[in-house]
Amino acid sequence: MPPSPTMQQTPVDTGHMLPRHEKKSAIGPVVGIIVIFLVMIFGALYFWGASQDREPEQLPFIPGDSTQ
């Protein structure tokens, strides 16, 4: 069998094989953060209002029928 020629290993440049880097919009994450903050604020207001309703109110004064 005759000897086979050896192939030279050349470094592969993968830079042209990668997809182009596109500038992505930052609107999605910003909107998500705003929605999370709004939900947290409304939740805090809801629980604060519920705690205000649970506090005991001052009972009205009802005079008794004591005769002295």
Protein backbone atom coordinates (compact mmCIF):
# COMPACT_ATOMS: atom_id res chain seq x y z
CA MET A 1 0.00 0.00 0.00
CA PRO A 2 1.42 3.37 -0.93
CA PRO A 3 1.72 5.91 1.87
CA SER A 4 -1.15 8.37 1.96
CA PRO A 5 -0.33 12.06 1.87
CA THR A 6 -0.85 13.80 5.19
CA MET A 7 -3.19 16.73 5.25
CA GLN A 8 -2.06 19.86 6.96
CA GLN A 9 -4.23 20.98 9.83
CA THR A 10 -5.17 24.61 9.37
CA PRO A 11 -6.83 26.54 12.18
CA VAL A 12 -10.52 26.95 11.57
CA ASP A 13 -11.80 30.50 11.80
CA THR A 14 -15.28 30.18 13.27
CA GLY A 15 -15.87 33.93 13.30
CA HIS A 16 -17.69 33.81 10.00
CA MET A 17 -19.79 30.83 11.10
CA LEU A 18 -21.31 32.52 14.14
CA PRO A 19 -24.56 34.44 13.70
CA ARG A 20 -24.23 38.18 13.58
CA HIS A 21 -24.67 39.92 16.92
CA GLU A 22 -27.86 41.89 16.72
CA LYS A 23 -28.62 44.70 19.11
CA LYS A 24 -31.45 43.55 21.30
CA SER A 25 -34.02 45.88 22.70
CA ALA A 26 -34.08 46.41 26.46
CA ILE A 27 -37.78 47.23 26.48
CA GLY A 28 -38.91 43.73 27.50
CA PRO A 29 -36.92 43.48 30.75
CA VAL A 30 -37.79 47.08 31.68
CA VAL A 31 -41.50 46.42 31.20
CA GLY A 32 -41.19 43.22 33.25
CA ILE A 33 -39.53 45.07 36.13
CA ILE A 34 -42.20 47.79 36.03
CA VAL A 35 -44.97 45.17 36.13
CA ILE A 36 -43.32 43.43 39.10
CA PHE A 37 -43.03 46.72 41.00
CA LEU A 38 -46.66 47.61 40.29
CA VAL A 39 -47.84 44.22 41.55
CA MET A 40 -45.74 44.66 44.69
CA ILE A 41 -47.14 48.16 45.32
CA PHE A 42 -50.75 47.06 44.83
CA GLY A 43 -50.15 44.04 47.07
CA ALA A 44 -48.66 46.24 49.78
CA LEU A 45 -51.61 48.63 49.58
CA TYR A 46 -54.04 45.71 49.74
CA PHE A 47 -52.44 44.22 52.86
CA TRP A 48 -52.07 47.65 54.48
CA GLY A 49 -55.78 48.32 53.90
CA ALA A 50 -56.68 44.91 55.28
CA SER A 51 -54.63 45.56 58.41
CA GLN A 52 -56.35 48.92 58.87
CA ASP A 53 -59.74 47.19 58.83
CA ARG A 54 -58.68 44.72 61.53
CA GLU A 55 -57.75 47.35 64.10
CA PRO A 56 -60.43 47.63 66.77
CA GLU A 57 -62.51 50.74 66.62
CA GLN A 58 -63.55 52.70 69.67
CA LEU A 59 -66.84 51.37 70.96
CA PRO A 60 -69.68 53.86 71.15
CA PHE A 61 -70.69 55.10 74.58
CA ILE A 62 -74.01 53.61 75.67
CA PRO A 63 -75.23 54.94 79.01
CA GLY A 64 -76.68 52.40 81.40
CA ASP A 65 -79.98 52.48 83.27
CA SER A 66 -78.46 53.02 86.65
CA THR A 67 -80.71 55.01 88.94
CA GLN A 68 -79.06 56.58 91.93
